[in-house]
Amino acid sequence: FEWAWNRRIEKIKGGDRALRWLAATRNLDPAELTVDDDGKRFTVFHDGEVIAEWPSRAAFHAELVVEPTVNEWIPEAEMTEFPREVQLGLAPRLRLFLEQCPDCGAELAFEEEELDETTIEASLACPECDATVFRESYP
């Protein structure tokens, strides 16, 4: 799975391939998509409306190709047996298992930060290009 996923990530990077792929999966015209990458969020818009956000371009690349890779390993009939929230949460959570940055290839670093008495934020980020590929808070 890891090899297939990383191979797809490499193929999707560069130029507008990833945006064209996203447009195709949502039946949209890729010319109508715009991107805002402010360094903290990678946001894709369609006609001025946010259609999706990721913590970085690297996370976007990794998550975009999770579904077709998972579909090679888990038959669609089996996937539909999982609750919808599990299906929707699979791609973002799989990013936690990345070992290398999807954009620059450097080794990712895992960190936990105590936000307050009851909340910890876990993140997986690239020390080379500063891309965050995973971020989630938990009690």
N, C-alpha and C. Protein backbone atom coordinates (compact mmCIF):
# COMPACT_ATOMS: atom_id res chain seq x y z
N PHE A 1 0.83 -1.18 0.00
CA PHE A 1 0.00 0.00 0.00
C PHE A 1 0.88 1.26 0.00
N GLU A 2 1.86 1.28 0.91
CA GLU A 2 2.73 2.47 1.02
C GLU A 2 3.42 2.77 -0.32
N TRP A 3 3.94 1.74 -0.96
CA TRP A 3 4.63 1.95 -2.23
C TRP A 3 3.66 2.51 -3.28
N ALA A 4 2.47 1.92 -3.38
CA ALA A 4 1.49 2.37 -4.37
C ALA A 4 1.04 3.80 -4.08
N TRP A 5 0.83 4.11 -2.82
CA TRP A 5 0.41 5.46 -2.43
C TRP A 5 1.49 6.49 -2.77
N ASN A 6 2.72 6.19 -2.39
CA ASN A 6 3.82 7.12 -2.69
C ASN A 6 4.03 7.29 -4.19
N ARG A 7 3.85 6.24 -4.93
CA ARG A 7 3.99 6.32 -6.40
C ARG A 7 2.91 7.25 -6.98
N ARG A 8 1.70 7.13 -6.49
CA ARG A 8 0.62 8.01 -6.96
C ARG A 8 0.87 9.47 -6.56
N ILE A 9 1.38 9.67 -5.36
CA ILE A 9 1.70 11.03 -4.92
C ILE A 9 2.71 11.65 -5.88
N GLU A 10 3.73 10.91 -6.23
CA GLU A 10 4.76 11.43 -7.15
C GLU A 10 4.15 11.79 -8.51
N LYS A 11 3.22 10.98 -8.98
CA LYS A 11 2.60 11.22 -10.29
C LYS A 11 1.69 12.44 -10.27
N ILE A 12 1.09 12.75 -9.13
CA ILE A 12 0.09 13.83 -9.05
C ILE A 12 0.76 15.19 -8.88
N LYS A 13 2.00 15.21 -8.40
CA LYS A 13 2.68 16.48 -8.13
C LYS A 13 3.12 17.14 -9.44
N GLY A 14 3.26 18.43 -9.37
CA GLY A 14 3.80 19.17 -10.51
C GLY A 14 2.71 19.71 -11.41
N GLY A 15 2.88 20.94 -11.80
CA GLY A 15 1.91 21.57 -12.69
C GLY A 15 0.53 21.59 -12.06
N ASP A 16 -0.47 21.37 -12.90
CA ASP A 16 -1.85 21.42 -12.39
C ASP A 16 -2.49 20.03 -12.35
N ARG A 17 -1.67 18.98 -12.35
CA ARG A 17 -2.20 17.61 -12.34
C ARG A 17 -3.14 17.36 -11.17
N ALA A 18 -2.72 17.79 -9.97
CA ALA A 18 -3.53 17.52 -8.78
C ALA A 18 -4.87 18.24 -8.86
N LEU A 19 -4.86 19.48 -9.31
CA LEU A 19 -6.13 20.21 -9.43
C LEU A 19 -7.02 19.59 -10.50
N ARG A 20 -6.43 19.14 -11.59
CA ARG A 20 -7.23 18.47 -12.63
C ARG A 20 -7.85 17.19 -12.08
N TRP A 21 -7.08 16.45 -11.28
CA TRP A 21 -7.58 15.21 -10.67
C TRP A 21 -8.73 15.53 -9.72
N LEU A 22 -8.55 16.54 -8.87
CA LEU A 22 -9.61 16.93 -7.94
C LEU A 22 -10.87 17.33 -8.71
N ALA A 23 -10.70 18.12 -9.75
CA ALA A 23 -11.85 18.56 -10.56
C ALA A 23 -12.57 17.35 -11.15
N ALA A 24 -11.81 16.40 -11.66
CA ALA A 24 -12.42 15.21 -12.27
C ALA A 24 -13.20 14.39 -11.24
N THR A 25 -12.68 14.29 -10.01
CA THR A 25 -13.37 13.50 -8.99
C THR A 25 -14.64 14.17 -8.50
N ARG A 26 -14.75 15.48 -8.73
CA ARG A 26 -15.94 16.21 -8.29
C ARG A 26 -16.79 16.73 -9.44
N ASN A 27 -16.44 16.26 -10.65
CA ASN A 27 -17.18 16.64 -11.85
C ASN A 27 -17.24 18.17 -12.03
N LEU A 28 -16.06 18.81 -11.88
CA LEU A 28 -15.94 20.25 -12.02
C LEU A 28 -14.99 20.59 -13.16
N ASP A 29 -15.09 21.80 -13.66
CA ASP A 29 -14.17 22.29 -14.66
C ASP A 29 -12.90 22.77 -13.95
N PRO A 30 -11.74 22.18 -14.26
CA PRO A 30 -10.52 22.58 -13.57
C PRO A 30 -10.17 24.06 -13.75
N ALA A 31 -10.62 24.66 -14.84
CA ALA A 31 -10.36 26.08 -15.07
C ALA A 31 -11.12 26.96 -14.07
N GLU A 32 -12.13 26.41 -13.42
CA GLU A 32 -12.92 27.17 -12.45
C GLU A 32 -12.41 27.01 -11.02
N LEU A 33 -11.31 26.26 -10.84
CA LEU A 33 -10.73 26.08 -9.51
C LEU A 33 -9.63 27.10 -9.28
N THR A 34 -9.59 27.64 -8.07
CA THR A 34 -8.50 28.52 -7.65
C THR A 34 -7.98 28.02 -6.31
N VAL A 35 -6.75 28.44 -5.99
CA VAL A 35 -6.08 27.96 -4.79
C VAL A 35 -5.58 29.13 -3.97
N ASP A 36 -5.69 28.98 -2.66
CA ASP A 36 -5.06 29.92 -1.73
C ASP A 36 -4.16 29.10 -0.83
N ASP A 37 -2.86 29.35 -0.90
CA ASP A 37 -1.89 28.64 -0.08
C ASP A 37 -1.15 29.68 0.75
N ASP A 38 -1.65 29.92 1.96
CA ASP A 38 -1.08 30.97 2.81
C ASP A 38 0.01 30.46 3.75
N GLY A 39 0.42 29.20 3.57
CA GLY A 39 1.44 28.63 4.43
C GLY A 39 0.89 27.92 5.65
N LYS A 40 -0.35 28.21 6.01
CA LYS A 40 -1.00 27.54 7.14
C LYS A 40 -2.14 26.65 6.68
N ARG A 41 -2.75 26.96 5.55
CA ARG A 41 -3.85 26.19 4.97
C ARG A 41 -3.69 26.20 3.45
N PHE A 42 -4.03 25.09 2.84
CA PHE A 42 -4.08 24.99 1.39
C PHE A 42 -5.57 24.83 1.06
N THR A 43 -6.15 25.85 0.45
CA THR A 43 -7.59 25.89 0.22
C THR A 43 -7.88 25.92 -1.27
N VAL A 44 -8.84 25.10 -1.69
CA VAL A 44 -9.27 25.08 -3.08
C VAL A 44 -10.68 25.65 -3.15
N PHE A 45 -10.87 26.57 -4.11
CA PHE A 45 -12.16 27.23 -4.30
C PHE A 45 -12.72 26.87 -5.67
N HIS A 46 -14.04 26.84 -5.75
CA HIS A 46 -14.75 26.72 -7.02
C HIS A 46 -15.76 27.85 -7.05
N ASP A 47 -15.64 28.71 -8.02
CA ASP A 47 -16.53 29.87 -8.12
C ASP A 47 -16.58 30.67 -6.82
N GLY A 48 -15.43 30.84 -6.17
CA GLY A 48 -15.35 31.63 -4.96
C GLY A 48 -15.76 30.91 -3.69
N GLU A 49 -16.29 29.70 -3.80
CA GLU A 49 -16.72 28.90 -2.64
C GLU A 49 -15.64 27.88 -2.29
N VAL A 50 -15.36 27.74 -1.01
CA VAL A 50 -14.39 26.74 -0.55
C VAL A 50 -14.97 25.36 -0.82
N ILE A 51 -14.18 24.52 -1.51
CA ILE A 51 -14.64 23.14 -1.70
C ILE A 51 -13.85 22.17 -0.83
N ALA A 52 -12.62 22.57 -0.44
CA ALA A 52 -11.83 21.70 0.44
C ALA A 52 -10.62 22.46 0.98
N GLU A 53 -10.17 22.02 2.17
CA GLU A 53 -8.98 22.60 2.79
C GLU A 53 -8.10 21.50 3.35
N TRP A 54 -6.80 21.75 3.32
CA TRP A 54 -5.80 20.86 3.90
C TRP A 54 -4.79 21.71 4.65
N PRO A 55 -4.00 21.12 5.55
CA PRO A 55 -3.01 21.91 6.27
C PRO A 55 -1.83 22.36 5.40
N SER A 56 -1.68 21.77 4.20
CA SER A 56 -0.58 22.14 3.30
C SER A 56 -0.82 21.53 1.92
N ARG A 57 -0.03 22.00 0.96
CA ARG A 57 -0.07 21.40 -0.39
C ARG A 57 0.35 19.94 -0.31
N ALA A 58 1.32 19.64 0.54
CA ALA A 58 1.79 18.25 0.70
C ALA A 58 0.65 17.35 1.18
N ALA A 59 -0.14 17.83 2.14
CA ALA A 59 -1.28 17.06 2.63
C ALA A 59 -2.32 16.87 1.52
N PHE A 60 -2.53 17.92 0.72
CA PHE A 60 -3.44 17.85 -0.43
C PHE A 60 -3.00 16.74 -1.38
N HIS A 61 -1.72 16.73 -1.73
CA HIS A 61 -1.21 15.71 -2.65
C HIS A 61 -1.40 14.31 -2.07
N ALA A 62 -1.08 14.14 -0.80
CA ALA A 62 -1.18 12.81 -0.18
C ALA A 62 -2.63 12.33 -0.10
N GLU A 63 -3.51 13.22 0.32
CA GLU A 63 -4.90 12.82 0.52
C GLU A 63 -5.64 12.61 -0.79
N LEU A 64 -5.29 13.34 -1.79
CA LEU A 64 -5.98 13.27 -3.07
C LEU A 64 -5.93 11.88 -3.69
N VAL A 65 -4.84 11.17 -3.48
CA VAL A 65 -4.70 9.86 -4.11
C VAL A 65 -4.89 8.69 -3.15
N VAL A 66 -5.36 8.97 -1.94
CA VAL A 66 -5.63 7.88 -1.00
C VAL A 66 -6.76 6.99 -1.50
N GLU A 67 -7.86 7.60 -1.91
CA GLU A 67 -9.04 6.80 -2.29
C GLU A 67 -8.75 5.77 -3.38
N PRO A 68 -8.15 6.16 -4.51
CA PRO A 68 -7.89 5.12 -5.52
C PRO A 68 -6.91 4.06 -5.05
N THR A 69 -6.00 4.45 -4.15
CA THR A 69 -5.05 3.46 -3.63
C THR A 69 -5.76 2.50 -2.69
N VAL A 70 -6.58 3.01 -1.80
CA VAL A 70 -7.34 2.15 -0.89
C VAL A 70 -8.25 1.22 -1.69
N ASN A 71 -8.84 1.75 -2.76
CA ASN A 71 -9.75 0.92 -3.58
C ASN A 71 -9.05 -0.28 -4.20
N GLU A 72 -7.75 -0.20 -4.36
CA GLU A 72 -7.00 -1.36 -4.86
C GLU A 72 -6.88 -2.45 -3.81
N TRP A 73 -6.97 -2.07 -2.54
CA TRP A 73 -6.74 -3.00 -1.44
C TRP A 73 -8.02 -3.46 -0.76
N ILE A 74 -9.02 -2.60 -0.74
CA ILE A 74 -10.29 -2.95 -0.09
C ILE A 74 -11.40 -2.83 -1.12
N PRO A 75 -12.07 -3.93 -1.43
CA PRO A 75 -13.15 -3.87 -2.42
C PRO A 75 -14.23 -2.87 -2.02
N GLU A 76 -14.81 -2.20 -3.00
CA GLU A 76 -15.84 -1.19 -2.76
C GLU A 76 -16.98 -1.74 -1.92
N ALA A 77 -17.36 -2.98 -2.18
CA ALA A 77 -18.46 -3.59 -1.42
C ALA A 77 -18.13 -3.66 0.07
N GLU A 78 -16.88 -3.90 0.41
CA GLU A 78 -16.47 -3.93 1.81
C GLU A 78 -16.41 -2.53 2.41
N MET A 79 -15.97 -1.55 1.62
CA MET A 79 -15.88 -0.18 2.11
C MET A 79 -17.27 0.36 2.47
N THR A 80 -18.26 -0.01 1.70
CA THR A 80 -19.61 0.51 1.97
C THR A 80 -20.19 -0.06 3.27
N GLU A 81 -19.59 -1.12 3.80
CA GLU A 81 -20.03 -1.67 5.07
C GLU A 81 -19.61 -0.80 6.26
N PHE A 82 -18.58 0.02 6.06
CA PHE A 82 -18.13 0.92 7.13
C PHE A 82 -19.09 2.10 7.23
N PRO A 83 -19.29 2.64 8.44
CA PRO A 83 -20.11 3.85 8.56
C PRO A 83 -19.52 4.98 7.72
N ARG A 84 -20.37 5.87 7.25
CA ARG A 84 -19.94 6.98 6.36
C ARG A 84 -18.85 7.83 7.02
N GLU A 85 -18.95 8.09 8.31
CA GLU A 85 -17.94 8.91 8.98
C GLU A 85 -16.58 8.22 8.97
N VAL A 86 -16.54 6.91 9.04
CA VAL A 86 -15.28 6.16 8.96
C VAL A 86 -14.71 6.29 7.55
N GLN A 87 -15.56 6.15 6.56
CA GLN A 87 -15.11 6.29 5.17
C GLN A 87 -14.53 7.67 4.91
N LEU A 88 -15.23 8.71 5.39
CA LEU A 88 -14.78 10.08 5.18
C LEU A 88 -13.52 10.42 5.97
N GLY A 89 -13.34 9.80 7.11
CA GLY A 89 -12.18 10.09 7.94
C GLY A 89 -10.94 9.29 7.60
N LEU A 90 -11.07 8.32 6.72
CA LEU A 90 -9.94 7.46 6.40
C LEU A 90 -8.79 8.22 5.75
N ALA A 91 -9.06 8.98 4.73
CA ALA A 91 -7.98 9.68 4.00
C ALA A 91 -7.19 10.63 4.89
N PRO A 92 -7.86 11.52 5.65
CA PRO A 92 -7.07 12.41 6.50
C PRO A 92 -6.24 11.66 7.55
N ARG A 93 -6.80 10.59 8.10
CA ARG A 93 -6.08 9.86 9.14
C ARG A 93 -4.91 9.04 8.57
N LEU A 94 -5.04 8.59 7.37
CA LEU A 94 -3.93 7.84 6.76
C LEU A 94 -2.69 8.72 6.60
N ARG A 95 -2.88 10.03 6.46
CA ARG A 95 -1.72 10.93 6.34
C ARG A 95 -0.80 10.82 7.56
N LEU A 96 -1.35 10.43 8.71
CA LEU A 96 -0.55 10.28 9.92
C LEU A 96 0.53 9.21 9.75
N PHE A 97 0.33 8.28 8.84
CA PHE A 97 1.27 7.18 8.66
C PHE A 97 2.36 7.47 7.63
N LEU A 98 2.34 8.65 7.05
CA LEU A 98 3.40 9.01 6.11
C LEU A 98 4.73 9.10 6.85
N GLU A 99 5.79 8.66 6.20
CA GLU A 99 7.12 8.76 6.78
C GLU A 99 7.93 9.86 6.12
N GLN A 100 7.62 10.13 4.85
CA GLN A 100 8.34 11.15 4.10
C GLN A 100 7.39 12.22 3.61
N CYS A 101 7.89 13.43 3.49
CA CYS A 101 7.08 14.54 3.00
C CYS A 101 6.66 14.27 1.56
N PRO A 102 5.37 14.37 1.27
CA PRO A 102 4.90 14.15 -0.10
C PRO A 102 5.46 15.15 -1.11
N ASP A 103 5.89 16.33 -0.65
CA ASP A 103 6.40 17.33 -1.59
C ASP A 103 7.91 17.30 -1.76
N CYS A 104 8.67 17.21 -0.66
CA CYS A 104 10.14 17.30 -0.81
C CYS A 104 10.87 16.00 -0.49
N GLY A 105 10.18 15.02 0.09
CA GLY A 105 10.79 13.72 0.36
C GLY A 105 11.55 13.62 1.67
N ALA A 106 11.65 14.71 2.44
CA ALA A 106 12.37 14.67 3.72
C ALA A 106 11.59 13.83 4.74
N GLU A 107 12.29 13.36 5.75
CA GLU A 107 11.65 12.58 6.81
C GLU A 107 10.77 13.50 7.65
N LEU A 108 9.54 13.05 7.90
CA LEU A 108 8.59 13.84 8.68
C LEU A 108 8.84 13.67 10.17
N ALA A 109 8.47 14.70 10.94
CA ALA A 109 8.64 14.68 12.39
C ALA A 109 7.27 14.76 13.06
N PHE A 110 7.06 13.88 14.04
CA PHE A 110 5.82 13.86 14.81
C PHE A 110 6.02 14.69 16.07
N GLU A 111 5.03 15.53 16.38
CA GLU A 111 5.09 16.35 17.59
C GLU A 111 3.74 16.38 18.27
N GLU A 112 3.77 16.52 19.59
CA GLU A 112 2.55 16.73 20.37
C GLU A 112 2.76 17.99 21.20
N GLU A 113 1.70 18.80 21.26
CA GLU A 113 1.76 20.03 22.04
C GLU A 113 0.52 20.12 22.91
N GLU A 114 0.73 20.43 24.18
CA GLU A 114 -0.39 20.59 25.09
C GLU A 114 -0.97 21.99 24.89
N LEU A 115 -2.20 22.05 24.39
CA LEU A 115 -2.85 23.33 24.13
C LEU A 115 -3.44 23.93 25.39
N ASP A 116 -4.02 23.08 26.23
CA ASP A 116 -4.56 23.49 27.53
C ASP A 116 -4.60 22.25 28.41
N GLU A 117 -5.26 22.35 29.53
CA GLU A 117 -5.29 21.24 30.49
C GLU A 117 -5.91 19.96 29.94
N THR A 118 -6.79 20.11 28.95
CA THR A 118 -7.53 18.94 28.47
C THR A 118 -7.28 18.60 27.00
N THR A 119 -6.50 19.41 26.29
CA THR A 119 -6.36 19.20 24.85
C THR A 119 -4.90 19.12 24.42
N ILE A 120 -4.63 18.12 23.62
CA ILE A 120 -3.30 17.95 23.03
C ILE A 120 -3.45 18.02 21.52
N GLU A 121 -2.52 18.68 20.86
CA GLU A 121 -2.53 18.74 19.40
C GLU A 121 -1.36 17.89 18.89
N ALA A 122 -1.68 16.95 18.04
CA ALA A 122 -0.66 16.11 17.41
C ALA A 122 -0.47 16.61 15.99
N SER A 123 0.79 16.62 15.55
CA SER A 123 1.05 17.04 14.17
C SER A 123 2.21 16.24 13.60
N LEU A 124 2.18 16.13 12.29
CA LEU A 124 3.24 15.49 11.53
C LEU A 124 3.66 16.51 10.50
N ALA A 125 4.91 16.96 10.59
CA ALA A 125 5.36 18.05 9.73
C ALA A 125 6.75 17.80 9.17
N CYS A 126 7.05 18.51 8.11
CA CYS A 126 8.34 18.40 7.44
C CYS A 126 9.29 19.49 7.95
N PRO A 127 10.42 19.10 8.52
CA PRO A 127 11.37 20.12 8.99
C PRO A 127 12.10 20.82 7.84
N GLU A 128 12.07 20.24 6.65
CA GLU A 128 12.76 20.84 5.50
C GLU A 128 11.93 21.92 4.81
N CYS A 129 10.70 21.57 4.42
CA CYS A 129 9.88 22.53 3.66
C CYS A 129 8.76 23.14 4.49
N ASP A 130 8.68 22.75 5.77
CA ASP A 130 7.73 23.30 6.72
C ASP A 130 6.27 22.94 6.43
N ALA A 131 6.05 21.90 5.65
CA ALA A 131 4.67 21.46 5.35
C ALA A 131 4.14 20.62 6.50
N THR A 132 2.92 20.89 6.91
CA THR A 132 2.23 20.06 7.90
C THR A 132 1.33 19.11 7.12
N VAL A 133 1.51 17.81 7.32
CA VAL A 133 0.71 16.84 6.59
C VAL A 133 -0.44 16.29 7.43
N PHE A 134 -0.34 16.47 8.74
CA PHE A 134 -1.40 16.00 9.62
C PHE A 134 -1.42 16.89 10.86
N ARG A 135 -2.64 17.25 11.30
CA ARG A 135 -2.81 18.00 12.54
C ARG A 135 -4.20 17.68 13.09
N GLU A 136 -4.21 17.28 14.36
CA GLU A 136 -5.51 16.99 14.98
C GLU A 136 -5.38 17.18 16.49
N SER A 137 -6.41 17.71 17.10
CA SER A 137 -6.46 17.88 18.54
C SER A 137 -7.28 16.76 19.15
N TYR A 138 -6.90 16.37 20.35
CA TYR A 138 -7.65 15.33 21.05
C TYR A 138 -7.54 15.56 22.56
N PRO A 139 -8.50 14.98 23.31
CA PRO A 139 -8.46 15.15 24.78
C PRO A 139 -7.39 14.28 25.41
